[in-house]
PDB file of N, CA and C in Angstrom:
ATOM      1  N   MET A   1       0.914   8.175 -14.041  1.00  0.00           N
ATOM      2  CA  MET A   1       1.270   8.315 -12.647  1.00  0.00           C
ATOM      3  C   MET A   1       0.070   8.871 -11.877  1.00  0.00           C
ATOM      4  N   LEU A   2      -0.117   8.347 -10.679  1.00  0.00           N
ATOM      5  CA  LEU A   2      -1.226   8.788  -9.843  1.00  0.00           C
ATOM      6  C   LEU A   2      -0.990  10.214  -9.345  1.00  0.00           C
ATOM      7  N   GLN A   3      -2.052  10.956  -9.210  1.00  0.00           N
ATOM      8  CA  GLN A   3      -1.979  12.338  -8.736  1.00  0.00           C
ATOM      9  C   GLN A   3      -2.201  12.366  -7.219  1.00  0.00           C
ATOM     10  N   THR A   4      -1.233  11.850  -6.481  1.00  0.00           N
ATOM     11  CA  THR A   4      -1.297  11.848  -5.021  1.00  0.00           C
ATOM     12  C   THR A   4      -0.066  12.559  -4.478  1.00  0.00           C
ATOM     13  N   ASN A   5      -0.067  12.771  -3.180  1.00  0.00           N
ATOM     14  CA  ASN A   5       1.098  13.362  -2.511  1.00  0.00           C
ATOM     15  C   ASN A   5       2.009  12.305  -1.923  1.00  0.00           C
ATOM     16  N   LEU A   6       1.786  11.058  -2.292  1.00  0.00           N
ATOM     17  CA  LEU A   6       2.618   9.959  -1.816  1.00  0.00           C
ATOM     18  C   LEU A   6       3.776   9.724  -2.775  1.00  0.00           C
ATOM     19  N   GLN A   7       4.762   8.969  -2.317  1.00  0.00           N
ATOM     20  CA  GLN A   7       5.825   8.534  -3.208  1.00  0.00           C
ATOM     21  C   GLN A   7       5.251   7.466  -4.135  1.00  0.00           C
ATOM     22  N   HIS A   8       5.663   7.502  -5.395  1.00  0.00           N
ATOM     23  CA  HIS A   8       5.125   6.606  -6.405  1.00  0.00           C
ATOM     24  C   HIS A   8       6.087   5.461  -6.699  1.00  0.00           C
ATOM     25  N   ILE A   9       5.534   4.280  -6.882  1.00  0.00           N
ATOM     26  CA  ILE A   9       6.306   3.141  -7.378  1.00  0.00           C
ATOM     27  C   ILE A   9       5.934   2.992  -8.846  1.00  0.00           C
ATOM     28  N   GLU A  10       6.941   3.005  -9.703  1.00  0.00           N
ATOM     29  CA  GLU A  10       6.694   2.988 -11.144  1.00  0.00           C
ATOM     30  C   GLU A  10       7.168   1.725 -11.839  1.00  0.00           C
ATOM     31  N   SER A  11       7.803   0.814 -11.095  1.00  0.00           N
ATOM     32  CA  SER A  11       8.278  -0.421 -11.732  1.00  0.00           C
ATOM     33  C   SER A  11       8.400  -1.535 -10.692  1.00  0.00           C
ATOM     34  N   GLY A  12       8.438  -2.738 -11.192  1.00  0.00           N
ATOM     35  CA  GLY A  12       8.621  -3.883 -10.326  1.00  0.00           C
ATOM     36  C   GLY A  12       9.976  -3.878  -9.645  1.00  0.00           C
ATOM     37  N   SER A  13      11.003  -3.454 -10.364  1.00  0.00           N
ATOM     38  CA  SER A  13      12.338  -3.417  -9.761  1.00  0.00           C
ATOM     39  C   SER A  13      12.404  -2.373  -8.645  1.00  0.00           C
ATOM     40  N   GLN A  14      11.690  -1.267  -8.819  1.00  0.00           N
ATOM     41  CA  GLN A  14      11.643  -0.258  -7.765  1.00  0.00           C
ATOM     42  C   GLN A  14      10.928  -0.818  -6.532  1.00  0.00           C
ATOM     43  N   LEU A  15       9.830  -1.543  -6.733  1.00  0.00           N
ATOM     44  CA  LEU A  15       9.126  -2.170  -5.619  1.00  0.00           C
ATOM     45  C   LEU A  15      10.052  -3.128  -4.886  1.00  0.00           C
ATOM     46  N   GLU A  16      10.759  -3.960  -5.611  1.00  0.00           N
ATOM     47  CA  GLU A  16      11.668  -4.926  -4.984  1.00  0.00           C
ATOM     48  C   GLU A  16      12.749  -4.221  -4.175  1.00  0.00           C
ATOM     49  N   THR A  17      13.309  -3.145  -4.713  1.00  0.00           N
ATOM     50  CA  THR A  17      14.344  -2.386  -3.999  1.00  0.00           C
ATOM     51  C   THR A  17      13.778  -1.789  -2.715  1.00  0.00           C
ATOM     52  N   ILE A  18      12.589  -1.214  -2.798  1.00  0.00           N
ATOM     53  CA  ILE A  18      11.945  -0.624  -1.618  1.00  0.00           C
ATOM     54  C   ILE A  18      11.739  -1.684  -0.546  1.00  0.00           C
ATOM     55  N   LEU A  19      11.288  -2.861  -0.943  1.00  0.00           N
ATOM     56  CA  LEU A  19      11.036  -3.926   0.027  1.00  0.00           C
ATOM     57  C   LEU A  19      12.330  -4.446   0.651  1.00  0.00           C
ATOM     58  N   GLN A  20      13.404  -4.444  -0.113  1.00  0.00           N
ATOM     59  CA  GLN A  20      14.696  -4.895   0.410  1.00  0.00           C
ATOM     60  C   GLN A  20      15.300  -3.881   1.372  1.00  0.00           C
ATOM     61  N   GLU A  21      15.056  -2.591   1.113  1.00  0.00           N
ATOM     62  CA  GLU A  21      15.721  -1.534   1.873  1.00  0.00           C
ATOM     63  C   GLU A  21      14.926  -1.028   3.069  1.00  0.00           C
ATOM     64  N   ASN A  22      13.671  -1.445   3.220  1.00  0.00           N
ATOM     65  CA  ASN A  22      12.822  -0.938   4.292  1.00  0.00           C
ATOM     66  C   ASN A  22      12.131  -2.078   5.023  1.00  0.00           C
ATOM     67  N   GLU A  23      12.104  -1.992   6.345  1.00  0.00           N
ATOM     68  CA  GLU A  23      11.480  -3.046   7.146  1.00  0.00           C
ATOM     69  C   GLU A  23       9.965  -3.055   6.986  1.00  0.00           C
ATOM     70  N   ASN A  24       9.348  -1.875   7.047  1.00  0.00           N
ATOM     71  CA  ASN A  24       7.894  -1.754   7.019  1.00  0.00           C
ATOM     72  C   ASN A  24       7.446  -0.889   5.856  1.00  0.00           C
ATOM     73  N   VAL A  25       6.592  -1.448   4.997  1.00  0.00           N
ATOM     74  CA  VAL A  25       6.143  -0.745   3.798  1.00  0.00           C
ATOM     75  C   VAL A  25       4.646  -0.970   3.608  1.00  0.00           C
ATOM     76  N   MET A  26       3.949   0.111   3.261  1.00  0.00           N
ATOM     77  CA  MET A  26       2.537   0.035   2.883  1.00  0.00           C
ATOM     78  C   MET A  26       2.428   0.531   1.452  1.00  0.00           C
ATOM     79  N   VAL A  27       1.811  -0.282   0.587  1.00  0.00           N
ATOM     80  CA  VAL A  27       1.632   0.088  -0.814  1.00  0.00           C
ATOM     81  C   VAL A  27       0.141   0.033  -1.136  1.00  0.00           C
ATOM     82  N   CYS A  28      -0.361   1.138  -1.671  1.00  0.00           N
ATOM     83  CA  CYS A  28      -1.753   1.203  -2.121  1.00  0.00           C
ATOM     84  C   CYS A  28      -1.741   1.206  -3.636  1.00  0.00           C
ATOM     85  N   CYS A  29      -2.273   0.155  -4.221  1.00  0.00           N
ATOM     86  CA  CYS A  29      -2.273  -0.029  -5.664  1.00  0.00           C
ATOM     87  C   CYS A  29      -3.688   0.245  -6.175  1.00  0.00           C
ATOM     88  N   GLY A  30      -3.839   1.346  -6.897  1.00  0.00           N
ATOM     89  CA  GLY A  30      -5.182   1.714  -7.332  1.00  0.00           C
ATOM     90  C   GLY A  30      -5.183   2.695  -8.478  1.00  0.00           C
ATOM     91  N   ARG A  31      -6.297   3.382  -8.590  1.00  0.00           N
ATOM     92  CA  ARG A  31      -6.515   4.420  -9.604  1.00  0.00           C
ATOM     93  C   ARG A  31      -6.955   5.685  -8.867  1.00  0.00           C
ATOM     94  N   MET A  32      -7.360   6.685  -9.590  1.00  0.00           N
ATOM     95  CA  MET A  32      -7.831   7.922  -8.973  1.00  0.00           C
ATOM     96  C   MET A  32      -9.353   7.885  -8.841  1.00  0.00           C
ATOM     97  N   GLY A  33      -9.887   6.778  -8.357  1.00  0.00           N
ATOM     98  CA  GLY A  33     -11.325   6.594  -8.220  1.00  0.00           C
ATOM     99  C   GLY A  33     -11.827   6.913  -6.819  1.00  0.00           C
ATOM    100  N   PRO A  34     -13.140   6.884  -6.647  1.00  0.00           N
ATOM    101  CA  PRO A  34     -13.744   7.284  -5.377  1.00  0.00           C
ATOM    102  C   PRO A  34     -13.446   6.356  -4.205  1.00  0.00           C
ATOM    103  N   MET A  35     -13.048   5.127  -4.464  1.00  0.00           N
ATOM    104  CA  MET A  35     -12.690   4.213  -3.382  1.00  0.00           C
ATOM    105  C   MET A  35     -11.200   4.322  -3.034  1.00  0.00           C
ATOM    106  N   CYS A  36     -10.409   4.826  -3.966  1.00  0.00           N
ATOM    107  CA  CYS A  36      -8.961   4.895  -3.796  1.00  0.00           C
ATOM    108  C   CYS A  36      -8.503   6.205  -3.160  1.00  0.00           C
ATOM    109  N   VAL A  37      -9.049   7.315  -3.628  1.00  0.00           N
ATOM    110  CA  VAL A  37      -8.581   8.636  -3.194  1.00  0.00           C
ATOM    111  C   VAL A  37      -8.619   8.798  -1.669  1.00  0.00           C
ATOM    112  N   PRO A  38      -9.681   8.356  -0.976  1.00  0.00           N
ATOM    113  CA  PRO A  38      -9.663   8.489   0.486  1.00  0.00           C
ATOM    114  C   PRO A  38      -8.552   7.682   1.159  1.00  0.00           C
ATOM    115  N   VAL A  39      -8.178   6.565   0.577  1.00  0.00           N
ATOM    116  CA  VAL A  39      -7.091   5.754   1.139  1.00  0.00           C
ATOM    117  C   VAL A  39      -5.773   6.492   0.981  1.00  0.00           C
ATOM    118  N   TYR A  40      -5.528   7.083  -0.190  1.00  0.00           N
ATOM    119  CA  TYR A  40      -4.299   7.865  -0.390  1.00  0.00           C
ATOM    120  C   TYR A  40      -4.231   9.009   0.621  1.00  0.00           C
ATOM    121  N   ALA A  41      -5.355   9.700   0.823  1.00  0.00           N
ATOM    122  CA  ALA A  41      -5.391  10.830   1.764  1.00  0.00           C
ATOM    123  C   ALA A  41      -5.107  10.357   3.188  1.00  0.00           C
ATOM    124  N   ALA A  42      -5.686   9.242   3.586  1.00  0.00           N
ATOM    125  CA  ALA A  42      -5.438   8.703   4.926  1.00  0.00           C
ATOM    126  C   ALA A  42      -3.975   8.318   5.082  1.00  0.00           C
ATOM    127  N   MET A  43      -3.399   7.709   4.054  1.00  0.00           N
ATOM    128  CA  MET A  43      -1.988   7.334   4.104  1.00  0.00           C
ATOM    129  C   MET A  43      -1.110   8.566   4.282  1.00  0.00           C
ATOM    130  N   LYS A  44      -1.399   9.622   3.546  1.00  0.00           N
ATOM    131  CA  LYS A  44      -0.604  10.844   3.643  1.00  0.00           C
ATOM    132  C   LYS A  44      -0.703  11.421   5.051  1.00  0.00           C
ATOM    133  N   ASP A  45      -1.895  11.404   5.639  1.00  0.00           N
ATOM    134  CA  ASP A  45      -2.070  11.887   7.011  1.00  0.00           C
ATOM    135  C   ASP A  45      -1.292  11.034   8.013  1.00  0.00           C
ATOM    136  N   LEU A  46      -1.302   9.733   7.820  1.00  0.00           N
ATOM    137  CA  LEU A  46      -0.650   8.812   8.751  1.00  0.00           C
ATOM    138  C   LEU A  46       0.869   8.782   8.593  1.00  0.00           C
ATOM    139  N   GLU A  47       1.347   9.198   7.444  1.00  0.00           N
ATOM    140  CA  GLU A  47       2.786   9.169   7.159  1.00  0.00           C
ATOM    141  C   GLU A  47       3.588   9.888   8.246  1.00  0.00           C
ATOM    142  N   GLY A  48       3.072  11.001   8.735  1.00  0.00           N
ATOM    143  CA  GLY A  48       3.781  11.755   9.764  1.00  0.00           C
ATOM    144  C   GLY A  48       3.785  11.082  11.127  1.00  0.00           C
ATOM    145  N   GLU A  49       2.812  10.218  11.377  1.00  0.00           N
ATOM    146  CA  GLU A  49       2.713   9.531  12.661  1.00  0.00           C
ATOM    147  C   GLU A  49       3.610   8.302  12.752  1.00  0.00           C
ATOM    148  N   TYR A  50       3.932   7.707  11.622  1.00  0.00           N
ATOM    149  CA  TYR A  50       4.657   6.440  11.592  1.00  0.00           C
ATOM    150  C   TYR A  50       5.979   6.614  10.853  1.00  0.00           C
ATOM    151  N   GLN A  51       6.990   7.055  11.593  1.00  0.00           N
ATOM    152  CA  GLN A  51       8.304   7.306  10.993  1.00  0.00           C
ATOM    153  C   GLN A  51       8.974   6.018  10.523  1.00  0.00           C
ATOM    154  N   ASN A  52       8.585   4.889  11.106  1.00  0.00           N
ATOM    155  CA  ASN A  52       9.225   3.610  10.788  1.00  0.00           C
ATOM    156  C   ASN A  52       8.540   2.861   9.642  1.00  0.00           C
ATOM    157  N   ILE A  53       7.552   3.502   9.003  1.00  0.00           N
ATOM    158  CA  ILE A  53       6.836   2.865   7.903  1.00  0.00           C
ATOM    159  C   ILE A  53       6.945   3.748   6.671  1.00  0.00           C
ATOM    160  N   LYS A  54       7.209   3.139   5.529  1.00  0.00           N
ATOM    161  CA  LYS A  54       7.272   3.859   4.259  1.00  0.00           C
ATOM    162  C   LYS A  54       5.947   3.668   3.534  1.00  0.00           C
ATOM    163  N   PHE A  55       5.396   4.761   3.040  1.00  0.00           N
ATOM    164  CA  PHE A  55       4.087   4.768   2.378  1.00  0.00           C
ATOM    165  C   PHE A  55       4.260   5.062   0.893  1.00  0.00           C
ATOM    166  N   TYR A  56       3.668   4.216   0.048  1.00  0.00           N
ATOM    167  CA  TYR A  56       3.784   4.367  -1.405  1.00  0.00           C
ATOM    168  C   TYR A  56       2.447   4.090  -2.082  1.00  0.00           C
ATOM    169  N   ASP A  57       2.322   4.641  -3.283  1.00  0.00           N
ATOM    170  CA  ASP A  57       1.212   4.244  -4.145  1.00  0.00           C
ATOM    171  C   ASP A  57       1.794   3.615  -5.409  1.00  0.00           C
ATOM    172  N   MET A  58       0.956   2.873  -6.112  1.00  0.00           N
ATOM    173  CA  MET A  58       1.335   2.270  -7.382  1.00  0.00           C
ATOM    174  C   MET A  58       0.096   2.236  -8.261  1.00  0.00           C
ATOM    175  N   GLU A  59       0.268   2.653  -9.493  1.00  0.00           N
ATOM    176  CA  GLU A  59      -0.864   2.686 -10.424  1.00  0.00           C
ATOM    177  C   GLU A  59      -1.281   1.259 -10.788  1.00  0.00           C
ATOM    178  N   PHE A  60      -2.546   0.952 -10.572  1.00  0.00           N
ATOM    179  CA  PHE A  60      -3.072  -0.399 -10.765  1.00  0.00           C
ATOM    180  C   PHE A  60      -2.876  -0.910 -12.187  1.00  0.00           C
ATOM    181  N   ASP A  61      -2.920  -0.014 -13.163  1.00  0.00           N
ATOM    182  CA  ASP A  61      -2.854  -0.426 -14.566  1.00  0.00           C
ATOM    183  C   ASP A  61      -1.436  -0.535 -15.121  1.00  0.00           C
ATOM    184  N   LEU A  62      -0.425  -0.250 -14.321  1.00  0.00           N
ATOM    185  CA  LEU A  62       0.946  -0.471 -14.774  1.00  0.00           C
ATOM    186  C   LEU A  62       1.177  -1.970 -14.972  1.00  0.00           C
ATOM    187  N   PRO A  63       1.887  -2.356 -16.006  1.00  0.00           N
ATOM    188  CA  PRO A  63       2.174  -3.792 -16.177  1.00  0.00           C
ATOM    189  C   PRO A  63       2.831  -4.418 -14.942  1.00  0.00           C
ATOM    190  N   ASP A  64       3.772  -3.706 -14.323  1.00  0.00           N
ATOM    191  CA  ASP A  64       4.470  -4.261 -13.164  1.00  0.00           C
ATOM    192  C   ASP A  64       3.607  -4.315 -11.905  1.00  0.00           C
ATOM    193  N   ALA A  65       2.446  -3.681 -11.920  1.00  0.00           N
ATOM    194  CA  ALA A  65       1.535  -3.785 -10.778  1.00  0.00           C
ATOM    195  C   ALA A  65       1.001  -5.217 -10.649  1.00  0.00           C
ATOM    196  N   SER A  66       1.269  -6.045 -11.642  1.00  0.00           N
ATOM    197  CA  SER A  66       0.892  -7.461 -11.545  1.00  0.00           C
ATOM    198  C   SER A  66       1.570  -8.114 -10.341  1.00  0.00           C
ATOM    199  N   LEU A  67       2.701  -7.557  -9.897  1.00  0.00           N
ATOM    200  CA  LEU A  67       3.369  -8.083  -8.705  1.00  0.00           C
ATOM    201  C   LEU A  67       2.472  -7.963  -7.470  1.00  0.00           C
ATOM    202  N   ILE A  68       1.597  -6.986  -7.463  1.00  0.00           N
ATOM    203  CA  ILE A  68       0.627  -6.833  -6.378  1.00  0.00           C
ATOM    204  C   ILE A  68      -0.686  -7.512  -6.748  1.00  0.00           C
ATOM    205  N   ARG A  69      -1.167  -7.241  -7.946  1.00  0.00           N
ATOM    206  CA  ARG A  69      -2.459  -7.807  -8.374  1.00  0.00           C
ATOM    207  C   ARG A  69      -2.489  -9.328  -8.265  1.00  0.00           C
ATOM    208  N   ASN A  70      -1.355  -9.987  -8.508  1.00  0.00           N
ATOM    209  CA  ASN A  70      -1.298 -11.448  -8.552  1.00  0.00           C
ATOM    210  C   ASN A  70      -0.816 -12.091  -7.257  1.00  0.00           C
ATOM    211  N   LEU A  71      -0.660 -11.312  -6.201  1.00  0.00           N
ATOM    212  CA  LEU A  71      -0.266 -11.897  -4.922  1.00  0.00           C
ATOM    213  C   LEU A  71      -1.344 -12.880  -4.447  1.00  0.00           C
ATOM    214  N   PRO A  72      -0.952 -13.995  -3.852  1.00  0.00           N
ATOM    215  CA  PRO A  72      -1.954 -14.923  -3.304  1.00  0.00           C
ATOM    216  C   PRO A  72      -2.896 -14.229  -2.315  1.00  0.00           C
ATOM    217  N   GLU A  73      -2.354 -13.268  -1.551  1.00  0.00           N
ATOM    218  CA  GLU A  73      -3.155 -12.555  -0.554  1.00  0.00           C
ATOM    219  C   GLU A  73      -4.211 -11.657  -1.197  1.00  0.00           C
ATOM    220  N   CYS A  74      -4.043 -11.338  -2.471  1.00  0.00           N
ATOM    221  CA  CYS A  74      -4.990 -10.471  -3.185  1.00  0.00           C
ATOM    222  C   CYS A  74      -5.951 -11.268  -4.069  1.00  0.00           C
ATOM    223  N   ARG A  75      -5.766 -12.568  -4.112  1.00  0.00           N
ATOM    224  CA  ARG A  75      -6.645 -13.408  -4.921  1.00  0.00           C
ATOM    225  C   ARG A  75      -8.083 -13.244  -4.439  1.00  0.00           C
ATOM    226  N   GLY A  76      -8.963 -13.009  -5.336  1.00  0.00           N
ATOM    227  CA  GLY A  76     -10.365 -12.862  -4.972  1.00  0.00           C
ATOM    228  C   GLY A  76     -10.788 -11.432  -4.671  1.00  0.00           C
ATOM    229  N   PHE A  77      -9.823 -10.513  -4.604  1.00  0.00           N
ATOM    230  CA  PHE A  77     -10.195  -9.112  -4.380  1.00  0.00           C
ATOM    231  C   PHE A  77     -10.994  -8.610  -5.572  1.00  0.00           C
ATOM    232  N   MET A  78     -12.049  -7.881  -5.316  1.00  0.00           N
ATOM    233  CA  MET A  78     -12.898  -7.362  -6.377  1.00  0.00           C
ATOM    234  C   MET A  78     -12.853  -5.843  -6.470  1.00  0.00           C
ATOM    235  N   GLY A  79     -12.614  -5.149  -5.361  1.00  0.00           N
ATOM    236  CA  GLY A  79     -12.657  -3.693  -5.363  1.00  0.00           C
ATOM    237  C   GLY A  79     -11.288  -3.067  -5.224  1.00  0.00           C
ATOM    238  N   LEU A  80     -11.132  -1.908  -5.832  1.00  0.00           N
ATOM    239  CA  LEU A  80      -9.900  -1.136  -5.700  1.00  0.00           C
ATOM    240  C   LEU A  80     -10.038  -0.187  -4.517  1.00  0.00           C
ATOM    241  N   PRO A  81      -8.928   0.194  -3.944  1.00  0.00           N
ATOM    242  CA  PRO A  81      -7.562  -0.225  -4.235  1.00  0.00           C
ATOM    243  C   PRO A  81      -7.192  -1.534  -3.534  1.00  0.00           C
ATOM    244  N   PHE A  82      -6.106  -2.116  -4.003  1.00  0.00           N
ATOM    245  CA  PHE A  82      -5.483  -3.233  -3.302  1.00  0.00           C
ATOM    246  C   PHE A  82      -4.417  -2.586  -2.414  1.00  0.00           C
ATOM    247  N   THR A  83      -4.492  -2.807  -1.124  1.00  0.00           N
ATOM    248  CA  THR A  83      -3.513  -2.235  -0.205  1.00  0.00           C
ATOM    249  C   THR A  83      -2.765  -3.377   0.454  1.00  0.00           C
ATOM    250  N   VAL A  84      -1.441  -3.318   0.351  1.00  0.00           N
ATOM    251  CA  VAL A  84      -0.605  -4.412   0.837  1.00  0.00           C
ATOM    252  C   VAL A  84       0.386  -3.866   1.854  1.00  0.00           C
ATOM    253  N   TYR A  85       0.496  -4.580   2.961  1.00  0.00           N
ATOM    254  CA  TYR A  85       1.383  -4.217   4.060  1.00  0.00           C
ATOM    255  C   TYR A  85       2.512  -5.249   4.111  1.00  0.00           C
ATOM    256  N   TYR A  86       3.744  -4.765   4.046  1.00  0.00           N
ATOM    257  CA  TYR A  86       4.914  -5.639   4.026  1.00  0.00           C
ATOM    258  C   TYR A  86       5.757  -5.409   5.275  1.00  0.00           C
ATOM    259  N   ARG A  87       6.258  -6.497   5.833  1.00  0.00           N
ATOM    260  CA  ARG A  87       7.245  -6.426   6.913  1.00  0.00           C
ATOM    261  C   ARG A  87       8.393  -7.342   6.512  1.00  0.00           C
ATOM    262  N   ASP A  88       9.584  -6.792   6.485  1.00  0.00           N
ATOM    263  CA  ASP A  88      10.776  -7.545   6.077  1.00  0.00           C
ATOM    264  C   ASP A  88      10.588  -8.208   4.718  1.00  0.00           C
ATOM    265  N   GLY A  89       9.933  -7.497   3.799  1.00  0.00           N
ATOM    266  CA  GLY A  89       9.766  -7.977   2.440  1.00  0.00           C
ATOM    267  C   GLY A  89       8.656  -8.993   2.231  1.00  0.00           C
ATOM    268  N   LYS A  90       7.954  -9.345   3.297  1.00  0.00           N
ATOM    269  CA  LYS A  90       6.883 -10.339   3.203  1.00  0.00           C
ATOM    270  C   LYS A  90       5.531  -9.686   3.484  1.00  0.00           C
ATOM    271  N   VAL A  91       4.504 -10.152   2.791  1.00  0.00           N
ATOM    272  CA  VAL A  91       3.155  -9.636   2.994  1.00  0.00           C
ATOM    273  C   VAL A  91       2.645 -10.098   4.357  1.00  0.00           C
ATOM    274  N   VAL A  92       2.217  -9.126   5.177  1.00  0.00           N
ATOM    275  CA  VAL A  92       1.652  -9.479   6.481  1.00  0.00           C
ATOM    276  C   VAL A  92       0.151  -9.182   6.534  1.00  0.00           C
ATOM    277  N   LYS A  93      -0.342  -8.415   5.558  1.00  0.00           N
ATOM    278  CA  LYS A  93      -1.775  -8.101   5.492  1.00  0.00           C
ATOM    279  C   LYS A  93      -2.049  -7.503   4.119  1.00  0.00           C
ATOM    280  N   ALA A  94      -3.229  -7.779   3.595  1.00  0.00           N
ATOM    281  CA  ALA A  94      -3.677  -7.170   2.340  1.00  0.00           C
ATOM    282  C   ALA A  94      -5.169  -6.907   2.461  1.00  0.00           C
ATOM    283  N   THR A  95      -5.596  -5.751   1.967  1.00  0.00           N
ATOM    284  CA  THR A  95      -7.008  -5.387   2.005  1.00  0.00           C
ATOM    285  C   THR A  95      -7.406  -4.855   0.634  1.00  0.00           C
ATOM    286  N   SER A  96      -8.696  -4.822   0.397  1.00  0.00           N
ATOM    287  CA  SER A  96      -9.188  -4.196  -0.829  1.00  0.00           C
ATOM    288  C   SER A  96     -10.338  -3.276  -0.493  1.00  0.00           C
ATOM    289  N   SER A  97     -10.587  -2.350  -1.378  1.00  0.00           N
ATOM    290  CA  SER A  97     -11.649  -1.363  -1.274  1.00  0.00           C
ATOM    291  C   SER A  97     -11.264  -0.272  -0.277  1.00  0.00           C
ATOM    292  N   ILE A  98     -12.211   0.596  -0.040  1.00  0.00           N
ATOM    293  CA  ILE A  98     -11.967   1.771   0.788  1.00  0.00           C
ATOM    294  C   ILE A  98     -11.682   1.372   2.231  1.00  0.00           C
ATOM    295  N   GLN A  99     -10.791   2.099   2.862  1.00  0.00           N
ATOM    296  CA  GLN A  99     -10.448   1.915   4.264  1.00  0.00           C
ATOM    297  C   GLN A  99     -10.392   3.292   4.910  1.00  0.00           C
ATOM    298  N   SER A 100     -10.869   3.392   6.131  1.00  0.00           N
ATOM    299  CA  SER A 100     -10.777   4.655   6.868  1.00  0.00           C
ATOM    300  C   SER A 100      -9.386   4.779   7.484  1.00  0.00           C
ATOM    301  N   LYS A 101      -9.071   5.983   7.919  1.00  0.00           N
ATOM    302  CA  LYS A 101      -7.790   6.208   8.581  1.00  0.00           C
ATOM    303  C   LYS A 101      -7.683   5.326   9.826  1.00  0.00           C
ATOM    304  N   ASP A 102      -8.767   5.177  10.579  1.00  0.00           N
ATOM    305  CA  ASP A 102      -8.745   4.337  11.776  1.00  0.00           C
ATOM    306  C   ASP A 102      -8.524   2.868  11.436  1.00  0.00           C
ATOM    307  N   GLN A 103      -9.126   2.394  10.350  1.00  0.00           N
ATOM    308  CA  GLN A 103      -8.909   1.000   9.935  1.00  0.00           C
ATOM    309  C   GLN A 103      -7.458   0.779   9.529  1.00  0.00           C
ATOM    310  N   ILE A 104      -6.897   1.730   8.809  1.00  0.00           N
ATOM    311  CA  ILE A 104      -5.488   1.622   8.406  1.00  0.00           C
ATOM    312  C   ILE A 104      -4.590   1.674   9.630  1.00  0.00           C
ATOM    313  N   ARG A 105      -4.859   2.606  10.536  1.00  0.00           N
ATOM    314  CA  ARG A 105      -4.043   2.733  11.757  1.00  0.00           C
ATOM    315  C   ARG A 105      -4.056   1.421  12.554  1.00  0.00           C
ATOM    316  N   GLU A 106      -5.205   0.785  12.635  1.00  0.00           N
ATOM    317  CA  GLU A 106      -5.321  -0.483  13.351  1.00  0.00           C
ATOM    318  C   GLU A 106      -4.402  -1.548  12.741  1.00  0.00           C
ATOM    319  N   ILE A 107      -4.360  -1.617  11.423  1.00  0.00           N
ATOM    320  CA  ILE A 107      -3.492  -2.579  10.743  1.00  0.00           C
ATOM    321  C   ILE A 107      -2.030  -2.209  10.949  1.00  0.00           C
ATOM    322  N   LEU A 108      -1.697  -0.936  10.824  1.00  0.00           N
ATOM    323  CA  LEU A 108      -0.316  -0.495  11.012  1.00  0.00           C
ATOM    324  C   LEU A 108       0.178  -0.851  12.426  1.00  0.00           C
ATOM    325  N   ASP A 109      -0.661  -0.591  13.417  1.00  0.00           N
ATOM    326  CA  ASP A 109      -0.283  -0.883  14.796  1.00  0.00           C
ATOM    327  C   ASP A 109      -0.127  -2.385  15.031  1.00  0.00           C
ATOM    328  N   ALA A 110      -1.026  -3.178  14.458  1.00  0.00           N
ATOM    329  CA  ALA A 110      -0.996  -4.632  14.686  1.00  0.00           C
ATOM    330  C   ALA A 110       0.086  -5.337  13.883  1.00  0.00           C
ATOM    331  N   LYS A 111       0.303  -4.894  12.655  1.00  0.00           N
ATOM    332  CA  LYS A 111       1.172  -5.662  11.751  1.00  0.00           C
ATOM    333  C   LYS A 111       2.550  -5.048  11.505  1.00  0.00           C
ATOM    334  N   LEU A 112       2.681  -3.726  11.620  1.00  0.00           N
ATOM    335  CA  LEU A 112       3.957  -3.099  11.246  1.00  0.00           C
ATOM    336  C   LEU A 112       4.617  -2.331  12.374  1.00  0.00           C
ATOM    337  N   ASN A 113       3.897  -1.978  13.392  1.00  0.00           N
ATOM    338  CA  ASN A 113       4.458  -1.140  14.426  1.00  0.00           C
ATOM    339  C   ASN A 113       4.834  -1.928  15.686  1.00  0.00           C
ATOM    340  N   GLY A 114       4.462  -3.196  15.707  1.00  0.00           N
ATOM    341  CA  GLY A 114       4.823  -4.043  16.837  1.00  0.00           C
ATOM    342  C   GLY A 114       4.026  -3.777  18.093  1.00  0.00           C
ATOM    343  N   LYS A 115       2.907  -3.063  17.979  1.00  0.00           N
ATOM    344  CA  LYS A 115       2.106  -2.783  19.176  1.00  0.00           C
ATOM    345  C   LYS A 115       1.185  -3.950  19.476  1.00  0.00           C
TER     346      LYS A 115
END
């Protein structure tokens, strides 16, 4: 399990349930590496600003993380983490590698917040 302050997704069935029960979801799939940790920290900071979005992490090496690793939107990604933004259970954006809080906020506003 990742050592973050975010809610953790530990199985594919849990991911599916989260996507069914929540309109807007951001999942960061990674490890505790130098490109991932800043994304987790930014997500935790942004969590308080976006009440309508659920923020989760998922360990990249879990077998069920293949549900994210193998998404068509993630094909060709080379750097961790893989960050996927879902609206109504469908992928609306996916990014890889480090992202700043401002870059994440821009995606949240454009894709999940309806701004």
